[in-house]
Amino acid sequence: MISIIICSRTETLPSAFIKNIEDTVGVEHELIIIDNSKNNYSIFEAYNLGIKKSVGAYLCFIHDDILFHTQNWGKRLEDIFEKDKKLGLIGVAGSKVKTKTPSAWWDCPHDQMVVNIIHQAENKLEKQYHGFDHENNVEVVLIDGVFMAGRANKDIKFNAAIKEFHGYDLNLSIAYKKIGFKIIVTNTILLKHLSLGKVDSNWTQSALKLYKVFKNDLPLMVGNTLTKTELKKIEFKNGMQFCDKLMEIKCRKEALLFWIKSFFIKPKSKLHFKFLKSYIKG
């Protein structure tokens, strides 16, 4: 049985959304909707409430603005989990590497991303499909929060101390990795996401808080996917990028600290002069 958990931004969800789930899931399931229309919970708290209410062997956390294109996707999930007992978490988009530096899951080289999703925004459709080669299921270390299906486990929960609406996918991915489970992205389930994620000021503030909580668990990567030199290159890129984001929201002290970390990774980069110039200008 699958427990489908949704943190709803509205008191009631569109009937077409519910019907799409019912028409496509294809297995015994329960729908657990946490009404967060009044922002009573962080998404971490809302999902924990969903876990507490659930009885399924598998938990599926989904956004409230998706539509499934795959029939019997629930059966496909169950089959994948049953074939590999070491598998803990399944997504439709993710990365084979996650830097210690705060970053989105897609802030990595293109060949480290694994994606199978349709995005719809401003009346434009974009199918993203990448990273599978000849495999249907590819191991990653971090998945996107739009769709996260996990094996139910008493040790899995979200960090309720984080009062945010970003980073819950990082939290869940790390939770499964820490108890020895694998994470994959599958191309056997296709869905449409009716919006695009935002890396805005709220994301930056959340990322800074998440860094303090999870920095000792990072970086992560699949096996020996990257050399130490390649990983440092990504750390530097993400570090300088995060410095810019911190400066945008006037977090000057934090920006300086992350710049120092980046400086020691690649001291001869011209980007340091650019950062210092913007820092002096304030």
Protein backbone atom coordinates (compact mmCIF):
# COMPACT_ATOMS: atom_id res chain seq x y z
CA MET A 1 0.00 0.00 0.00
CA ILE A 2 1.17 3.52 -0.82
CA SER A 3 0.52 6.53 1.42
CA ILE A 4 0.37 9.65 -0.77
CA ILE A 5 1.16 12.71 1.34
CA ILE A 6 0.40 16.24 0.18
CA CYS A 7 1.04 19.56 1.91
CA SER A 8 -1.78 21.64 0.44
CA ARG A 9 -1.51 25.39 0.00
CA THR A 10 -5.31 25.67 -0.28
CA GLU A 11 -8.21 24.44 1.86
CA THR A 12 -9.42 22.18 -0.94
CA LEU A 13 -7.50 20.67 -3.81
CA PRO A 14 -8.77 20.76 -7.42
CA SER A 15 -10.99 17.80 -8.26
CA ALA A 16 -8.98 17.22 -11.45
CA PHE A 17 -5.82 16.80 -9.37
CA ILE A 18 -7.42 14.22 -7.08
CA LYS A 19 -9.04 12.41 -10.02
CA ASN A 20 -5.70 12.22 -11.83
CA ILE A 21 -4.12 10.48 -8.83
CA GLU A 22 -7.05 8.08 -8.40
CA ASP A 23 -7.13 7.26 -12.12
CA THR A 24 -3.42 6.58 -12.50
CA VAL A 25 -1.98 5.19 -9.24
CA GLY A 26 -3.24 1.66 -9.95
CA VAL A 27 -2.70 0.13 -6.47
CA GLU A 28 -4.18 0.24 -3.00
CA HIS A 29 -3.40 3.64 -1.54
CA GLU A 30 -4.42 6.32 0.93
CA LEU A 31 -4.46 10.05 0.31
CA ILE A 32 -3.22 12.12 3.24
CA ILE A 33 -3.78 15.84 2.73
CA ILE A 34 -2.30 18.27 5.24
CA ASP A 35 -4.21 21.56 5.00
CA ASN A 36 -1.57 24.27 5.20
CA SER A 37 -3.65 27.06 3.65
CA LYS A 38 -3.06 29.21 6.75
CA ASN A 39 0.67 28.44 6.95
CA ASN A 40 0.31 26.76 10.31
CA TYR A 41 3.22 24.41 9.53
CA SER A 42 6.56 24.45 7.83
CA ILE A 43 6.65 21.84 5.08
CA PHE A 44 8.94 19.78 7.35
CA GLU A 45 6.24 19.73 10.05
CA ALA A 46 3.44 19.08 7.55
CA TYR A 47 5.21 16.08 6.06
CA ASN A 48 5.94 14.71 9.54
CA LEU A 49 2.22 14.88 10.28
CA GLY A 50 1.62 12.95 7.09
CA ILE A 51 4.13 10.28 8.09
CA LYS A 52 2.48 9.96 11.51
CA LYS A 53 -0.93 9.39 9.90
CA SER A 54 0.33 6.96 7.25
CA VAL A 55 -0.06 3.18 7.28
CA GLY A 56 1.45 2.34 3.89
CA ALA A 57 4.63 0.37 3.27
CA TYR A 58 5.68 3.19 0.96
CA LEU A 59 5.36 6.94 1.40
CA CYS A 60 4.94 9.25 -1.59
CA PHE A 61 5.37 12.99 -1.04
CA ILE A 62 4.08 15.05 -3.96
CA HIS A 63 3.46 18.69 -4.81
CA ASP A 64 -0.12 19.86 -5.20
CA ASP A 65 0.44 21.06 -8.77
CA ILE A 66 1.39 17.93 -10.70
CA LEU A 67 -0.38 15.60 -13.13
CA PHE A 68 0.68 11.98 -13.69
CA HIS A 69 1.11 10.82 -17.29
CA THR A 70 2.00 7.22 -16.39
CA GLN A 71 -0.72 4.66 -15.77
CA ASN A 72 -0.23 2.33 -12.79
CA TRP A 73 2.67 4.38 -11.51
CA GLY A 74 2.04 3.07 -8.00
CA LYS A 75 2.54 -0.51 -9.18
CA ARG A 76 5.76 0.52 -10.87
CA LEU A 77 6.98 2.04 -7.61
CA GLU A 78 6.17 -1.09 -5.64
CA ASP A 79 7.93 -3.29 -8.21
CA ILE A 80 11.09 -1.19 -8.10
CA PHE A 81 11.21 -1.24 -4.31
CA GLU A 82 10.51 -4.96 -4.10
CA LYS A 83 13.32 -5.80 -6.51
CA ASP A 84 15.94 -3.95 -4.45
CA LYS A 85 15.68 -4.07 -0.66
CA LYS A 86 18.58 -1.63 -0.35
CA LEU A 87 16.62 1.03 -2.19
CA GLY A 88 15.11 3.71 0.05
CA LEU A 89 14.03 6.65 -2.09
CA ILE A 90 12.83 7.23 -5.66
CA GLY A 91 12.48 10.52 -7.56
CA VAL A 92 11.95 11.81 -11.09
CA ALA A 93 14.80 14.33 -11.01
CA GLY A 94 18.04 14.49 -9.08
CA SER A 95 21.81 14.68 -9.01
CA LYS A 96 24.74 12.32 -8.55
CA VAL A 97 26.60 14.95 -6.51
CA LYS A 98 25.75 17.50 -3.82
CA THR A 99 28.30 20.01 -2.65
CA LYS A 100 28.82 21.09 0.94
CA THR A 101 28.24 24.64 -0.28
CA PRO A 102 24.53 25.59 -0.33
CA SER A 103 23.16 24.91 -3.81
CA ALA A 104 20.13 23.62 -5.68
CA TRP A 105 20.23 20.00 -6.80
CA TRP A 106 20.76 21.12 -10.41
CA ASP A 107 23.87 23.17 -9.51
CA CYS A 108 26.20 20.52 -10.86
CA PRO A 109 27.71 19.47 -14.20
CA HIS A 110 25.14 18.42 -16.77
CA ASP A 111 26.44 14.85 -16.81
CA GLN A 112 25.70 14.57 -13.08
CA MET A 113 21.98 15.34 -13.48
CA VAL A 114 19.30 12.70 -14.00
CA VAL A 115 15.88 14.01 -15.03
CA ASN A 116 12.57 12.70 -16.40
CA ILE A 117 9.83 15.31 -16.08
CA ILE A 118 7.59 17.68 -18.02
CA HIS A 119 7.52 21.31 -16.90
CA GLN A 120 4.66 23.61 -17.76
CA ALA A 121 5.04 27.31 -17.05
CA GLU A 122 3.54 30.35 -18.79
CA ASN A 123 1.74 28.10 -21.28
CA LYS A 124 5.02 26.51 -22.36
CA LEU A 125 5.74 22.79 -22.16
CA GLU A 126 9.28 21.49 -21.73
CA LYS A 127 10.16 17.79 -21.51
CA GLN A 128 13.41 17.22 -19.65
CA TYR A 129 14.99 13.82 -20.14
CA HIS A 130 18.64 13.28 -19.35
CA GLY A 131 21.15 10.96 -17.71
CA PHE A 132 19.69 7.49 -18.24
CA ASP A 133 21.73 6.09 -21.14
CA HIS A 134 20.62 2.43 -21.21
CA GLU A 135 19.26 2.31 -17.64
CA ASN A 136 15.72 2.88 -16.37
CA ASN A 137 16.85 3.61 -12.81
CA VAL A 138 19.96 5.65 -12.05
CA GLU A 139 21.51 6.08 -8.61
CA VAL A 140 21.77 9.64 -7.27
CA VAL A 141 22.39 11.28 -3.89
CA LEU A 142 19.69 13.96 -3.97
CA ILE A 143 16.25 14.17 -5.58
CA ASP A 144 13.89 17.03 -6.33
CA GLY A 145 10.98 17.49 -3.94
CA VAL A 146 8.25 17.52 -6.60
CA PHE A 147 7.94 13.73 -6.24
CA MET A 148 9.63 11.68 -3.54
CA ALA A 149 8.66 8.06 -2.93
CA GLY A 150 10.27 6.37 0.05
CA ARG A 151 10.28 3.04 1.82
CA ALA A 152 8.49 3.51 5.15
CA ASN A 153 10.99 3.31 8.01
CA LYS A 154 10.67 4.27 11.68
CA ASP A 155 13.97 6.18 11.53
CA ILE A 156 12.86 8.43 8.67
CA LYS A 157 11.38 11.82 9.47
CA PHE A 158 11.91 15.46 8.57
CA ASN A 159 13.81 17.85 10.84
CA ALA A 160 10.94 19.74 12.47
CA ALA A 161 13.37 22.32 13.88
CA ILE A 162 13.69 23.74 10.37
CA LYS A 163 10.80 26.18 9.96
CA GLU A 164 11.12 26.61 6.22
CA PHE A 165 9.56 25.71 2.87
CA HIS A 166 12.78 24.84 1.05
CA GLY A 167 15.33 22.06 1.46
CA TYR A 168 13.00 19.29 2.57
CA ASP A 169 14.20 17.19 -0.37
CA LEU A 170 17.80 17.56 0.82
CA ASN A 171 16.67 16.63 4.33
CA LEU A 172 14.88 13.46 3.15
CA SER A 173 17.71 12.40 0.85
CA ILE A 174 20.28 12.71 3.62
CA ALA A 175 18.00 10.85 6.05
CA TYR A 176 17.84 7.82 3.75
CA LYS A 177 21.56 7.95 2.94
CA LYS A 178 22.51 8.07 6.62
CA ILE A 179 20.82 4.75 7.36
CA GLY A 180 22.38 3.03 4.37
CA PHE A 181 19.67 3.22 1.69
CA LYS A 182 20.23 3.98 -1.99
CA ILE A 183 18.41 6.74 -3.87
CA ILE A 184 17.46 6.60 -7.55
CA VAL A 185 15.77 8.59 -10.28
CA THR A 186 13.51 6.51 -12.52
CA ASN A 187 12.35 7.05 -16.09
CA THR A 188 9.45 4.63 -15.69
CA ILE A 189 7.21 7.30 -14.13
CA LEU A 190 6.42 10.53 -15.95
CA LEU A 191 4.59 13.52 -14.51
CA LYS A 192 3.94 17.11 -15.44
CA HIS A 193 4.85 19.88 -13.02
CA LEU A 194 2.68 22.95 -13.48
CA SER A 195 5.20 25.43 -12.11
CA LEU A 196 8.93 26.05 -11.86
CA GLY A 197 10.97 26.22 -8.69
CA LYS A 198 12.32 29.60 -7.55
CA VAL A 199 15.79 30.29 -6.23
CA ASP A 200 14.77 33.57 -4.58
CA SER A 201 15.62 35.40 -1.35
CA ASN A 202 13.55 32.92 0.69
CA TRP A 203 15.51 30.06 -0.86
CA THR A 204 18.81 31.75 0.01
CA GLN A 205 17.83 32.31 3.63
CA SER A 206 16.63 28.72 3.92
CA ALA A 207 19.80 27.38 2.29
CA LEU A 208 21.91 29.22 4.86
CA LYS A 209 19.98 27.63 7.73
CA LEU A 210 20.09 24.20 6.10
CA TYR A 211 23.85 24.49 5.69
CA LYS A 212 24.26 24.81 9.45
CA VAL A 213 22.17 21.68 10.01
CA PHE A 214 23.53 19.40 7.29
CA LYS A 215 27.07 20.62 6.54
CA ASN A 216 28.66 17.65 8.33
CA ASP A 217 26.72 15.25 6.09
CA LEU A 218 28.05 16.85 2.90
CA PRO A 219 29.43 16.64 0.26
CA LEU A 220 27.80 13.53 -1.23
CA MET A 221 28.34 11.78 -4.52
CA VAL A 222 27.65 8.43 -6.13
CA GLY A 223 30.74 6.23 -5.79
CA ASN A 224 33.78 7.74 -7.48
CA THR A 225 31.74 9.72 -9.99
CA LEU A 226 34.07 12.72 -9.67
CA THR A 227 37.72 13.23 -8.82
CA LYS A 228 38.68 15.46 -5.89
CA THR A 229 39.74 18.13 -8.36
CA GLU A 230 36.41 18.01 -10.17
CA LEU A 231 34.49 18.19 -6.88
CA LYS A 232 36.53 21.21 -5.76
CA LYS A 233 35.72 22.92 -9.04
CA ILE A 234 31.98 22.50 -8.38
CA GLU A 235 32.39 23.60 -4.75
CA PHE A 236 34.13 26.76 -5.93
CA LYS A 237 31.49 27.56 -8.54
CA ASN A 238 28.65 27.02 -6.07
CA GLY A 239 30.49 28.92 -3.37
CA MET A 240 30.93 32.06 -5.46
CA GLN A 241 27.38 31.79 -6.73
CA PHE A 242 26.09 31.58 -3.16
CA CYS A 243 28.19 34.60 -2.16
CA ASP A 244 26.38 36.62 -4.82
CA LYS A 245 23.00 35.45 -3.54
CA LEU A 246 23.93 36.36 0.03
CA MET A 247 25.00 39.83 -1.08
CA GLU A 248 21.64 40.30 -2.80
CA ILE A 249 19.84 39.85 0.53
CA LYS A 250 22.38 41.94 2.48
CA CYS A 251 23.92 39.03 4.40
CA ARG A 252 27.37 40.58 4.17
CA LYS A 253 28.99 38.72 7.06
CA GLU A 254 27.87 35.33 5.76
CA ALA A 255 28.88 36.26 2.20
CA LEU A 256 32.38 37.11 3.41
CA LEU A 257 32.70 33.80 5.25
CA PHE A 258 31.68 31.79 2.19
CA TRP A 259 34.00 33.87 0.03
CA ILE A 260 36.93 32.98 2.31
CA LYS A 261 36.07 29.28 1.93
CA SER A 262 35.96 29.71 -1.84
CA PHE A 263 39.22 31.67 -1.88
CA PHE A 264 41.13 28.77 -0.34
CA ILE A 265 39.71 26.39 -2.94
CA LYS A 266 40.85 28.50 -5.92
CA PRO A 267 42.89 31.54 -4.79
CA LYS A 268 43.88 32.74 -8.28
CA SER A 269 40.39 33.15 -9.73
CA LYS A 270 39.42 36.55 -11.15
CA LEU A 271 36.01 36.12 -9.53
CA HIS A 272 37.52 37.13 -6.18
CA PHE A 273 38.17 40.66 -7.43
CA LYS A 274 34.60 40.89 -8.68
CA PHE A 275 33.26 39.80 -5.28
CA LEU A 276 35.51 42.14 -3.30
CA LYS A 277 34.53 45.05 -5.52
CA SER A 278 30.82 44.43 -4.85
CA TYR A 279 31.53 43.86 -1.15
CA ILE A 280 33.33 47.19 -0.77
CA LYS A 281 30.56 49.01 -2.57
CA GLY A 282 28.14 47.43 -0.11
